[in-house]
Full PDB file with SEQRES, HELIX, SHEET, SSBOND, CRYST1, ORIGX, SCALE, CONECT and MASTER records, all heavy atoms in Angstrom:
SEQRES   1 A   39  THR GLU ASN ILE THR ILE SER VAL SER THR LYS VAL CYS          
SEQRES   2 A   39  SER PHE GLY LYS GLN VAL VAL GLU LYS VAL GLU THR GLU          
SEQRES   3 A   39  TYR ALA HIS LEU GLU GLY GLY LYS TYR MET PHE ARG ILE          
SHEET    1 AA1 2 THR A   5  SER A  14  0                                        
SHEET    2 AA1 2 LYS A  17  TYR A  27 -1                                        
SHEET    1 AA2 2 HIS A  29  GLU A  31  0                                        
SHEET    2 AA2 2 LYS A  34  MET A  36 -1                                        
CRYST1    1.000    1.000    1.000  90.00  90.00  90.00 P 1           1          
ORIGX1      1.000000  0.000000  0.000000        0.00000                         
ORIGX2      0.000000  1.000000  0.000000        0.00000                         
ORIGX3      0.000000  0.000000  1.000000        0.00000                         
SCALE1      1.000000  0.000000  0.000000        0.00000                         
SCALE2      0.000000  1.000000  0.000000        0.00000                         
SCALE3      0.000000  0.000000  1.000000        0.00000                         
ATOM      1  N   THR A   1     120.719  78.629 143.090  1.00  0.00           N  
ATOM      2  CA  THR A   1     119.257  78.819 143.125  1.00  0.00           C  
ATOM      3  C   THR A   1     118.887  80.186 143.710  1.00  0.00           C  
ATOM      4  O   THR A   1     117.753  80.582 143.626  1.00  0.00           O  
ATOM      5  CB  THR A   1     118.656  77.816 143.980  1.00  0.00           C  
ATOM      6  OG1 THR A   1     119.148  77.806 145.384  1.00  0.00           O  
ATOM      7  CG2 THR A   1     118.884  76.381 143.532  1.00  0.00           C  
ATOM      8  N   GLU A   2     119.925  80.955 144.196  1.00  0.00           N  
ATOM      9  CA  GLU A   2     119.575  82.238 144.829  1.00  0.00           C  
ATOM     10  C   GLU A   2     120.430  83.351 144.285  1.00  0.00           C  
ATOM     11  O   GLU A   2     121.650  83.065 143.934  1.00  0.00           O  
ATOM     12  CB  GLU A   2     119.773  82.194 146.342  1.00  0.00           C  
ATOM     13  CG  GLU A   2     118.806  81.087 146.983  1.00  0.00           C  
ATOM     14  CD  GLU A   2     119.113  81.077 148.495  1.00  0.00           C  
ATOM     15  OE1 GLU A   2     120.167  81.518 148.928  1.00  0.00           O  
ATOM     16  OE2 GLU A   2     118.273  80.398 149.131  1.00  0.00           O  
ATOM     17  N   ASN A   3     119.982  84.486 144.319  1.00  0.00           N  
ATOM     18  CA  ASN A   3     120.741  85.755 143.919  1.00  0.00           C  
ATOM     19  C   ASN A   3     121.561  86.216 145.056  1.00  0.00           C  
ATOM     20  O   ASN A   3     121.086  87.097 145.855  1.00  0.00           O  
ATOM     21  CB  ASN A   3     119.781  86.807 143.372  1.00  0.00           C  
ATOM     22  CG  ASN A   3     120.522  88.059 142.814  1.00  0.00           C  
ATOM     23  OD1 ASN A   3     121.756  87.899 142.631  1.00  0.00           O  
ATOM     24  ND2 ASN A   3     119.793  89.053 142.576  1.00  0.00           N  
ATOM     25  N   ILE A   4     122.756  85.699 145.209  1.00  0.00           N  
ATOM     26  CA  ILE A   4     123.536  85.999 146.395  1.00  0.00           C  
ATOM     27  C   ILE A   4     125.017  86.297 145.861  1.00  0.00           C  
ATOM     28  O   ILE A   4     125.299  86.238 144.681  1.00  0.00           O  
ATOM     29  CB  ILE A   4     123.595  84.864 147.363  1.00  0.00           C  
ATOM     30  CG1 ILE A   4     124.147  83.611 146.677  1.00  0.00           C  
ATOM     31  CG2 ILE A   4     122.209  84.564 148.004  1.00  0.00           C  
ATOM     32  CD1 ILE A   4     124.368  82.401 147.679  1.00  0.00           C  
ATOM     33  N   THR A   5     125.851  86.714 146.763  1.00  0.00           N  
ATOM     34  CA  THR A   5     127.310  86.870 146.602  1.00  0.00           C  
ATOM     35  C   THR A   5     127.963  85.710 147.228  1.00  0.00           C  
ATOM     36  O   THR A   5     127.733  85.439 148.443  1.00  0.00           O  
ATOM     37  CB  THR A   5     127.831  88.249 147.046  1.00  0.00           C  
ATOM     38  OG1 THR A   5     127.056  89.269 146.453  1.00  0.00           O  
ATOM     39  CG2 THR A   5     129.239  88.346 146.810  1.00  0.00           C  
ATOM     40  N   ILE A   6     128.827  85.012 146.522  1.00  0.00           N  
ATOM     41  CA  ILE A   6     129.529  83.883 147.130  1.00  0.00           C  
ATOM     42  C   ILE A   6     130.989  84.198 147.489  1.00  0.00           C  
ATOM     43  O   ILE A   6     131.624  85.084 146.888  1.00  0.00           O  
ATOM     44  CB  ILE A   6     129.574  82.647 146.311  1.00  0.00           C  
ATOM     45  CG1 ILE A   6     130.296  82.876 144.953  1.00  0.00           C  
ATOM     46  CG2 ILE A   6     128.103  82.209 146.008  1.00  0.00           C  
ATOM     47  CD1 ILE A   6     130.424  81.668 144.099  1.00  0.00           C  
ATOM     48  N   SER A   7     131.523  83.593 148.460  1.00  0.00           N  
ATOM     49  CA  SER A   7     132.929  83.698 148.896  1.00  0.00           C  
ATOM     50  C   SER A   7     133.494  82.323 148.623  1.00  0.00           C  
ATOM     51  O   SER A   7     132.998  81.302 149.155  1.00  0.00           O  
ATOM     52  CB  SER A   7     133.010  84.137 150.312  1.00  0.00           C  
ATOM     53  OG  SER A   7     134.442  84.131 150.735  1.00  0.00           O  
ATOM     54  N   VAL A   8     134.682  82.359 147.942  1.00  0.00           N  
ATOM     55  CA  VAL A   8     135.382  81.037 147.673  1.00  0.00           C  
ATOM     56  C   VAL A   8     136.684  81.058 148.295  1.00  0.00           C  
ATOM     57  O   VAL A   8     137.585  81.869 148.026  1.00  0.00           O  
ATOM     58  CB  VAL A   8     135.503  80.847 146.089  1.00  0.00           C  
ATOM     59  CG1 VAL A   8     136.192  79.485 145.813  1.00  0.00           C  
ATOM     60  CG2 VAL A   8     134.137  80.957 145.324  1.00  0.00           C  
ATOM     61  N   SER A   9     136.935  80.166 149.270  1.00  0.00           N  
ATOM     62  CA  SER A   9     138.133  80.074 150.064  1.00  0.00           C  
ATOM     63  C   SER A   9     138.843  78.812 149.592  1.00  0.00           C  
ATOM     64  O   SER A   9     138.291  77.710 149.605  1.00  0.00           O  
ATOM     65  CB  SER A   9     137.856  80.008 151.489  1.00  0.00           C  
ATOM     66  OG  SER A   9     139.099  79.505 152.171  1.00  0.00           O  
ATOM     67  N   THR A  10     140.179  78.935 149.137  1.00  0.00           N  
ATOM     68  CA  THR A  10     140.921  77.769 148.718  1.00  0.00           C  
ATOM     69  C   THR A  10     142.155  77.728 149.636  1.00  0.00           C  
ATOM     70  O   THR A  10     142.982  78.668 149.666  1.00  0.00           O  
ATOM     71  CB  THR A  10     141.358  77.998 147.255  1.00  0.00           C  
ATOM     72  OG1 THR A  10     140.209  78.161 146.422  1.00  0.00           O  
ATOM     73  CG2 THR A  10     142.104  76.766 146.788  1.00  0.00           C  
ATOM     74  N   LYS A  11     142.317  76.574 150.410  1.00  0.00           N  
ATOM     75  CA  LYS A  11     143.266  76.386 151.342  1.00  0.00           C  
ATOM     76  C   LYS A  11     144.150  75.262 150.923  1.00  0.00           C  
ATOM     77  O   LYS A  11     143.706  74.153 150.632  1.00  0.00           O  
ATOM     78  CB  LYS A  11     142.704  76.155 152.762  1.00  0.00           C  
ATOM     79  CG  LYS A  11     141.754  77.173 153.290  1.00  0.00           C  
ATOM     80  CD  LYS A  11     141.177  76.762 154.664  1.00  0.00           C  
ATOM     81  CE  LYS A  11     140.208  77.925 155.117  1.00  0.00           C  
ATOM     82  NZ  LYS A  11     139.618  77.421 156.409  1.00  0.00           N  
ATOM     83  N   VAL A  12     145.483  75.502 150.802  1.00  0.00           N  
ATOM     84  CA  VAL A  12     146.459  74.455 150.501  1.00  0.00           C  
ATOM     85  C   VAL A  12     147.068  73.954 151.841  1.00  0.00           C  
ATOM     86  O   VAL A  12     147.447  74.704 152.630  1.00  0.00           O  
ATOM     87  CB  VAL A  12     147.477  75.028 149.547  1.00  0.00           C  
ATOM     88  CG1 VAL A  12     148.581  74.032 149.270  1.00  0.00           C  
ATOM     89  CG2 VAL A  12     146.883  75.580 148.311  1.00  0.00           C  
ATOM     90  N   CYS A  13     147.030  72.631 151.971  1.00  0.00           N  
ATOM     91  CA  CYS A  13     147.612  72.004 153.170  1.00  0.00           C  
ATOM     92  C   CYS A  13     148.686  71.070 152.914  1.00  0.00           C  
ATOM     93  O   CYS A  13     148.730  70.349 151.808  1.00  0.00           O  
ATOM     94  CB  CYS A  13     146.511  71.201 153.909  1.00  0.00           C  
ATOM     95  SG  CYS A  13     145.051  72.257 154.426  1.00  0.00           S  
ATOM     96  N   SER A  14     149.691  71.030 153.717  1.00  0.00           N  
ATOM     97  CA  SER A  14     150.821  70.117 153.603  1.00  0.00           C  
ATOM     98  C   SER A  14     151.009  69.480 154.943  1.00  0.00           C  
ATOM     99  O   SER A  14     151.121  70.061 155.979  1.00  0.00           O  
ATOM    100  CB  SER A  14     152.132  70.891 153.211  1.00  0.00           C  
ATOM    101  OG  SER A  14     153.206  69.971 153.144  1.00  0.00           O  
ATOM    102  N   PHE A  15     150.965  68.133 154.911  1.00  0.00           N  
ATOM    103  CA  PHE A  15     151.031  67.307 156.140  1.00  0.00           C  
ATOM    104  C   PHE A  15     149.917  67.793 157.142  1.00  0.00           C  
ATOM    105  O   PHE A  15     150.103  67.779 158.348  1.00  0.00           O  
ATOM    106  CB  PHE A  15     152.389  67.373 156.775  1.00  0.00           C  
ATOM    107  CG  PHE A  15     153.442  66.638 155.985  1.00  0.00           C  
ATOM    108  CD1 PHE A  15     154.149  67.340 155.020  1.00  0.00           C  
ATOM    109  CD2 PHE A  15     153.664  65.260 156.210  1.00  0.00           C  
ATOM    110  CE1 PHE A  15     155.191  66.618 154.326  1.00  0.00           C  
ATOM    111  CE2 PHE A  15     154.684  64.640 155.464  1.00  0.00           C  
ATOM    112  CZ  PHE A  15     155.364  65.305 154.555  1.00  0.00           C  
ATOM    113  N   GLY A  16     148.751  68.134 156.636  1.00  0.00           N  
ATOM    114  CA  GLY A  16     147.630  68.469 157.392  1.00  0.00           C  
ATOM    115  C   GLY A  16     147.707  69.873 158.038  1.00  0.00           C  
ATOM    116  O   GLY A  16     146.809  70.257 158.741  1.00  0.00           O  
ATOM    117  N   LYS A  17     148.652  70.684 157.578  1.00  0.00           N  
ATOM    118  CA  LYS A  17     148.777  72.031 158.046  1.00  0.00           C  
ATOM    119  C   LYS A  17     148.555  72.991 156.965  1.00  0.00           C  
ATOM    120  O   LYS A  17     149.038  72.790 155.785  1.00  0.00           O  
ATOM    121  CB  LYS A  17     150.295  72.305 158.661  1.00  0.00           C  
ATOM    122  CG  LYS A  17     150.576  71.340 159.722  1.00  0.00           C  
ATOM    123  CD  LYS A  17     149.737  71.504 160.970  1.00  0.00           C  
ATOM    124  CE  LYS A  17     150.194  70.508 162.061  1.00  0.00           C  
ATOM    125  NZ  LYS A  17     149.352  70.533 163.281  1.00  0.00           N  
ATOM    126  N   GLN A  18     147.747  74.038 157.262  1.00  0.00           N  
ATOM    127  CA  GLN A  18     147.511  75.060 156.204  1.00  0.00           C  
ATOM    128  C   GLN A  18     148.699  75.889 155.916  1.00  0.00           C  
ATOM    129  O   GLN A  18     149.365  76.393 156.864  1.00  0.00           O  
ATOM    130  CB  GLN A  18     146.346  75.913 156.720  1.00  0.00           C  
ATOM    131  CG  GLN A  18     146.059  76.981 155.602  1.00  0.00           C  
ATOM    132  CD  GLN A  18     144.825  77.855 156.058  1.00  0.00           C  
ATOM    133  OE1 GLN A  18     143.837  77.332 156.534  1.00  0.00           O  
ATOM    134  NE2 GLN A  18     144.925  79.087 155.969  1.00  0.00           N  
ATOM    135  N   VAL A  19     149.083  76.049 154.633  1.00  0.00           N  
ATOM    136  CA  VAL A  19     150.281  76.777 154.256  1.00  0.00           C  
ATOM    137  C   VAL A  19     149.897  78.062 153.476  1.00  0.00           C  
ATOM    138  O   VAL A  19     150.688  78.964 153.461  1.00  0.00           O  
ATOM    139  CB  VAL A  19     151.263  75.892 153.388  1.00  0.00           C  
ATOM    140  CG1 VAL A  19     151.895  74.849 154.337  1.00  0.00           C  
ATOM    141  CG2 VAL A  19     150.639  75.340 152.179  1.00  0.00           C  
ATOM    142  N   VAL A  20     148.787  78.031 152.773  1.00  0.00           N  
ATOM    143  CA  VAL A  20     148.347  79.237 152.108  1.00  0.00           C  
ATOM    144  C   VAL A  20     146.841  79.188 151.909  1.00  0.00           C  
ATOM    145  O   VAL A  20     146.266  78.108 151.703  1.00  0.00           O  
ATOM    146  CB  VAL A  20     149.151  79.357 150.731  1.00  0.00           C  
ATOM    147  CG1 VAL A  20     148.732  78.235 149.823  1.00  0.00           C  
ATOM    148  CG2 VAL A  20     148.889  80.780 150.108  1.00  0.00           C  
ATOM    149  N   GLU A  21     146.258  80.314 151.805  1.00  0.00           N  
ATOM    150  CA  GLU A  21     144.789  80.488 151.617  1.00  0.00           C  
ATOM    151  C   GLU A  21     144.529  81.641 150.616  1.00  0.00           C  
ATOM    152  O   GLU A  21     145.185  82.716 150.698  1.00  0.00           O  
ATOM    153  CB  GLU A  21     144.016  80.677 152.859  1.00  0.00           C  
ATOM    154  CG  GLU A  21     142.555  80.810 152.618  1.00  0.00           C  
ATOM    155  CD  GLU A  21     141.702  81.134 153.882  1.00  0.00           C  
ATOM    156  OE1 GLU A  21     142.306  81.484 154.903  1.00  0.00           O  
ATOM    157  OE2 GLU A  21     140.507  80.971 153.844  1.00  0.00           O  
ATOM    158  N   LYS A  22     143.630  81.393 149.663  1.00  0.00           N  
ATOM    159  CA  LYS A  22     143.214  82.448 148.742  1.00  0.00           C  
ATOM    160  C   LYS A  22     141.712  82.614 148.823  1.00  0.00           C  
ATOM    161  O   LYS A  22     141.017  81.639 148.726  1.00  0.00           O  
ATOM    162  CB  LYS A  22     143.591  82.153 147.308  1.00  0.00           C  
ATOM    163  CG  LYS A  22     143.385  83.111 146.259  1.00  0.00           C  
ATOM    164  CD  LYS A  22     143.804  82.765 144.945  1.00  0.00           C  
ATOM    165  CE  LYS A  22     143.583  83.878 143.836  1.00  0.00           C  
ATOM    166  NZ  LYS A  22     144.058  83.573 142.599  1.00  0.00           N  
ATOM    167  N   VAL A  23     141.218  83.841 148.955  1.00  0.00           N  
ATOM    168  CA  VAL A  23     139.737  84.070 149.086  1.00  0.00           C  
ATOM    169  C   VAL A  23     139.333  84.969 147.960  1.00  0.00           C  
ATOM    170  O   VAL A  23     139.913  85.977 147.758  1.00  0.00           O  
ATOM    171  CB  VAL A  23     139.438  84.636 150.525  1.00  0.00           C  
ATOM    172  CG1 VAL A  23     137.845  84.970 150.531  1.00  0.00           C  
ATOM    173  CG2 VAL A  23     139.852  83.830 151.650  1.00  0.00           C  
ATOM    174  N   GLU A  24     138.265  84.535 147.249  1.00  0.00           N  
ATOM    175  CA  GLU A  24     137.762  85.295 146.192  1.00  0.00           C  
ATOM    176  C   GLU A  24     136.251  85.512 146.352  1.00  0.00           C  
ATOM    177  O   GLU A  24     135.536  84.722 146.934  1.00  0.00           O  
ATOM    178  CB  GLU A  24     137.953  84.533 144.808  1.00  0.00           C  
ATOM    179  CG  GLU A  24     139.492  84.436 144.541  1.00  0.00           C  
ATOM    180  CD  GLU A  24     139.812  83.388 143.446  1.00  0.00           C  
ATOM    181  OE1 GLU A  24     139.683  82.304 143.620  1.00  0.00           O  
ATOM    182  OE2 GLU A  24     140.005  83.912 142.264  1.00  0.00           O  
ATOM    183  N   THR A  25     135.739  86.598 145.705  1.00  0.00           N  
ATOM    184  CA  THR A  25     134.303  86.944 145.816  1.00  0.00           C  
ATOM    185  C   THR A  25     133.700  86.918 144.407  1.00  0.00           C  
ATOM    186  O   THR A  25     134.323  87.460 143.472  1.00  0.00           O  
ATOM    187  CB  THR A  25     134.087  88.272 146.503  1.00  0.00           C  
ATOM    188  OG1 THR A  25     134.594  88.187 147.844  1.00  0.00           O  
ATOM    189  CG2 THR A  25     132.589  88.619 146.485  1.00  0.00           C  
ATOM    190  N   GLU A  26     132.513  86.399 144.287  1.00  0.00           N  
ATOM    191  CA  GLU A  26     131.839  86.376 142.951  1.00  0.00           C  
ATOM    192  C   GLU A  26     130.369  86.661 143.070  1.00  0.00           C  
ATOM    193  O   GLU A  26     129.686  86.167 144.016  1.00  0.00           O  
ATOM    194  CB  GLU A  26     132.087  85.032 142.230  1.00  0.00           C  
ATOM    195  CG  GLU A  26     131.555  84.987 140.795  1.00  0.00           C  
ATOM    196  CD  GLU A  26     132.076  86.001 139.874  1.00  0.00           C  
ATOM    197  OE1 GLU A  26     133.288  86.377 140.082  1.00  0.00           O  
ATOM    198  OE2 GLU A  26     131.423  86.435 138.910  1.00  0.00           O  
ATOM    199  N   TYR A  27     129.857  87.458 142.167  1.00  0.00           N  
ATOM    200  CA  TYR A  27     128.418  87.874 142.115  1.00  0.00           C  
ATOM    201  C   TYR A  27     127.633  87.020 141.145  1.00  0.00           C  
ATOM    202  O   TYR A  27     128.211  86.527 140.230  1.00  0.00           O  
ATOM    203  CB  TYR A  27     128.297  89.368 141.871  1.00  0.00           C  
ATOM    204  CG  TYR A  27     129.067  90.281 142.793  1.00  0.00           C  
ATOM    205  CD1 TYR A  27     130.370  90.624 142.543  1.00  0.00           C  
ATOM    206  CD2 TYR A  27     128.487  90.709 143.960  1.00  0.00           C  
ATOM    207  CE1 TYR A  27     131.084  91.492 143.398  1.00  0.00           C  
ATOM    208  CE2 TYR A  27     129.180  91.538 144.889  1.00  0.00           C  
ATOM    209  CZ  TYR A  27     130.451  91.878 144.540  1.00  0.00           C  
ATOM    210  OH  TYR A  27     131.162  92.728 145.491  1.00  0.00           O  
ATOM    211  N   ALA A  28     126.372  86.889 141.438  1.00  0.00           N  
ATOM    212  CA  ALA A  28     125.498  86.089 140.595  1.00  0.00           C  
ATOM    213  C   ALA A  28     125.109  86.826 139.301  1.00  0.00           C  
ATOM    214  O   ALA A  28     124.941  88.101 139.291  1.00  0.00           O  
ATOM    215  CB  ALA A  28     124.218  85.738 141.406  1.00  0.00           C  
ATOM    216  N   HIS A  29     124.972  86.057 138.265  1.00  0.00           N  
ATOM    217  CA  HIS A  29     124.505  86.563 136.947  1.00  0.00           C  
ATOM    218  C   HIS A  29     123.424  85.735 136.461  1.00  0.00           C  
ATOM    219  O   HIS A  29     123.582  84.473 136.371  1.00  0.00           O  
ATOM    220  CB  HIS A  29     125.622  86.571 135.900  1.00  0.00           C  
ATOM    221  CG  HIS A  29     126.765  87.337 136.314  1.00  0.00           C  
ATOM    222  ND1 HIS A  29     126.940  88.708 136.090  1.00  0.00           N  
ATOM    223  CD2 HIS A  29     127.998  86.942 136.951  1.00  0.00           C  
ATOM    224  CE1 HIS A  29     128.182  89.109 136.617  1.00  0.00           C  
ATOM    225  NE2 HIS A  29     128.778  88.029 137.111  1.00  0.00           N  
ATOM    226  N   LEU A  30     122.195  86.218 136.252  1.00  0.00           N  
ATOM    227  CA  LEU A  30     121.076  85.524 135.862  1.00  0.00           C  
ATOM    228  C   LEU A  30     121.169  85.061 134.478  1.00  0.00           C  
ATOM    229  O   LEU A  30     121.222  85.908 133.552  1.00  0.00           O  
ATOM    230  CB  LEU A  30     119.757  86.263 136.141  1.00  0.00           C  
ATOM    231  CG  LEU A  30     118.447  85.503 135.880  1.00  0.00           C  
ATOM    232  CD1 LEU A  30     118.275  84.300 136.760  1.00  0.00           C  
ATOM    233  CD2 LEU A  30     117.295  86.522 136.067  1.00  0.00           C  
ATOM    234  N   GLU A  31     121.121  83.714 134.196  1.00  0.00           N  
ATOM    235  CA  GLU A  31     121.173  83.265 132.800  1.00  0.00           C  
ATOM    236  C   GLU A  31     120.326  82.014 132.761  1.00  0.00           C  
ATOM    237  O   GLU A  31     120.441  81.016 133.436  1.00  0.00           O  
ATOM    238  CB  GLU A  31     122.585  82.805 132.507  1.00  0.00           C  
ATOM    239  CG  GLU A  31     123.640  83.910 132.482  1.00  0.00           C  
ATOM    240  CD  GLU A  31     125.021  83.481 132.212  1.00  0.00           C  
ATOM    241  OE1 GLU A  31     125.203  82.281 131.700  1.00  0.00           O  
ATOM    242  OE2 GLU A  31     125.937  84.218 132.467  1.00  0.00           O  
ATOM    243  N   GLY A  32     119.261  82.125 131.842  1.00  0.00           N  
ATOM    244  CA  GLY A  32     118.351  81.019 131.656  1.00  0.00           C  
ATOM    245  C   GLY A  32     117.607  80.518 132.830  1.00  0.00           C  
ATOM    246  O   GLY A  32     117.453  79.332 133.068  1.00  0.00           O  
ATOM    247  N   GLY A  33     117.219  81.449 133.704  1.00  0.00           N  
ATOM    248  CA  GLY A  33     116.571  81.048 134.889  1.00  0.00           C  
ATOM    249  C   GLY A  33     117.434  80.595 136.084  1.00  0.00           C  
ATOM    250  O   GLY A  33     116.867  80.215 137.085  1.00  0.00           O  
ATOM    251  N   LYS A  34     118.685  80.582 135.876  1.00  0.00           N  
ATOM    252  CA  LYS A  34     119.676  80.136 136.946  1.00  0.00           C  
ATOM    253  C   LYS A  34     120.610  81.256 137.219  1.00  0.00           C  
ATOM    254  O   LYS A  34     120.945  82.124 136.389  1.00  0.00           O  
ATOM    255  CB  LYS A  34     120.325  78.865 136.517  1.00  0.00           C  
ATOM    256  CG  LYS A  34     119.455  77.691 136.239  1.00  0.00           C  
ATOM    257  CD  LYS A  34     120.326  76.487 135.782  1.00  0.00           C  
ATOM    258  CE  LYS A  34     119.407  75.341 135.549  1.00  0.00           C  
ATOM    259  NZ  LYS A  34     120.209  74.145 135.038  1.00  0.00           N  
ATOM    260  N   TYR A  35     121.148  81.250 138.391  1.00  0.00           N  
ATOM    261  CA  TYR A  35     122.166  82.177 138.874  1.00  0.00           C  
ATOM    262  C   TYR A  35     123.552  81.554 138.651  1.00  0.00           C  
ATOM    263  O   TYR A  35     123.845  80.561 139.235  1.00  0.00           O  
ATOM    264  CB  TYR A  35     121.915  82.634 140.327  1.00  0.00           C  
ATOM    265  CG  TYR A  35     120.661  83.424 140.540  1.00  0.00           C  
ATOM    266  CD1 TYR A  35     119.562  82.854 141.023  1.00  0.00           C  
ATOM    267  CD2 TYR A  35     120.526  84.782 140.068  1.00  0.00           C  
ATOM    268  CE1 TYR A  35     118.346  83.638 141.144  1.00  0.00           C  
ATOM    269  CE2 TYR A  35     119.474  85.525 140.232  1.00  0.00           C  
ATOM    270  CZ  TYR A  35     118.301  84.917 140.728  1.00  0.00           C  
ATOM    271  OH  TYR A  35     117.156  85.583 140.958  1.00  0.00           O  
ATOM    272  N   MET A  36     124.325  82.194 137.790  1.00  0.00           N  
ATOM    273  CA  MET A  36     125.600  81.634 137.445  1.00  0.00           C  
ATOM    274  C   MET A  36     126.650  82.392 138.116  1.00  0.00           C  
ATOM    275  O   MET A  36     126.624  83.706 138.284  1.00  0.00           O  
ATOM    276  CB  MET A  36     125.821  81.693 135.880  1.00  0.00           C  
ATOM    277  CG  MET A  36     124.795  81.023 135.101  1.00  0.00           C  
ATOM    278  SD  MET A  36     124.657  79.272 135.475  1.00  0.00           S  
ATOM    279  CE  MET A  36     126.234  78.633 134.876  1.00  0.00           C  
ATOM    280  N   PHE A  37     127.750  81.699 138.555  1.00  0.00           N  
ATOM    281  CA  PHE A  37     128.951  82.298 139.203  1.00  0.00           C  
ATOM    282  C   PHE A  37     130.177  81.797 138.476  1.00  0.00           C  
ATOM    283  O   PHE A  37     130.390  80.545 138.320  1.00  0.00           O  
ATOM    284  CB  PHE A  37     129.006  81.896 140.663  1.00  0.00           C  
ATOM    285  CG  PHE A  37     127.693  82.206 141.452  1.00  0.00           C  
ATOM    286  CD1 PHE A  37     126.727  81.325 141.517  1.00  0.00           C  
ATOM    287  CD2 PHE A  37     127.639  83.452 142.189  1.00  0.00           C  
ATOM    288  CE1 PHE A  37     125.566  81.550 142.170  1.00  0.00           C  
ATOM    289  CE2 PHE A  37     126.508  83.623 142.944  1.00  0.00           C  
ATOM    290  CZ  PHE A  37     125.449  82.820 142.909  1.00  0.00           C  
ATOM    291  N   ARG A  38     131.048  82.721 138.032  1.00  0.00           N  
ATOM    292  CA  ARG A  38     132.132  82.294 137.204  1.00  0.00           C  
ATOM    293  C   ARG A  38     133.458  82.986 137.851  1.00  0.00           C  
ATOM    294  O   ARG A  38     133.527  84.200 137.936  1.00  0.00           O  
ATOM    295  CB  ARG A  38     132.060  82.624 135.761  1.00  0.00           C  
ATOM    296  CG  ARG A  38     130.984  81.843 134.959  1.00  0.00           C  
ATOM    297  CD  ARG A  38     131.046  82.211 133.490  1.00  0.00           C  
ATOM    298  NE  ARG A  38     130.095  81.372 132.782  1.00  0.00           N  
ATOM    299  CZ  ARG A  38     128.739  81.777 132.586  1.00  0.00           C  
ATOM    300  NH1 ARG A  38     128.321  82.943 133.170  1.00  0.00           N  
ATOM    301  NH2 ARG A  38     127.971  81.027 131.885  1.00  0.00           N  
ATOM    302  N   ILE A  39     134.463  82.128 138.165  1.00  0.00           N  
ATOM    303  CA  ILE A  39     135.713  82.628 138.450  1.00  0.00           C  
ATOM    304  C   ILE A  39     136.753  82.161 137.371  1.00  0.00           C  
ATOM    305  O   ILE A  39     137.012  81.013 137.235  1.00  0.00           O  
ATOM    306  CB  ILE A  39     136.215  82.088 139.793  1.00  0.00           C  
ATOM    307  CG1 ILE A  39     135.318  82.687 140.948  1.00  0.00           C  
ATOM    308  CG2 ILE A  39     137.628  82.608 140.104  1.00  0.00           C  
ATOM    309  CD1 ILE A  39     135.632  82.113 142.319  1.00  0.00           C  
TER     310      ILE A  39                                                      
MASTER        0    0    0    0    4    0    0    6  309    1    0    3          
END                                                                             
């Protein structure tokens, strides 16, 4: 609903412990009155 920049953090856990994390950034694109984010 907003023209912002999002941060997407993906954490993989094994037995409840974090083993790896990947962080990505995506900017908004206005399409049909909505702000779309695509990775």
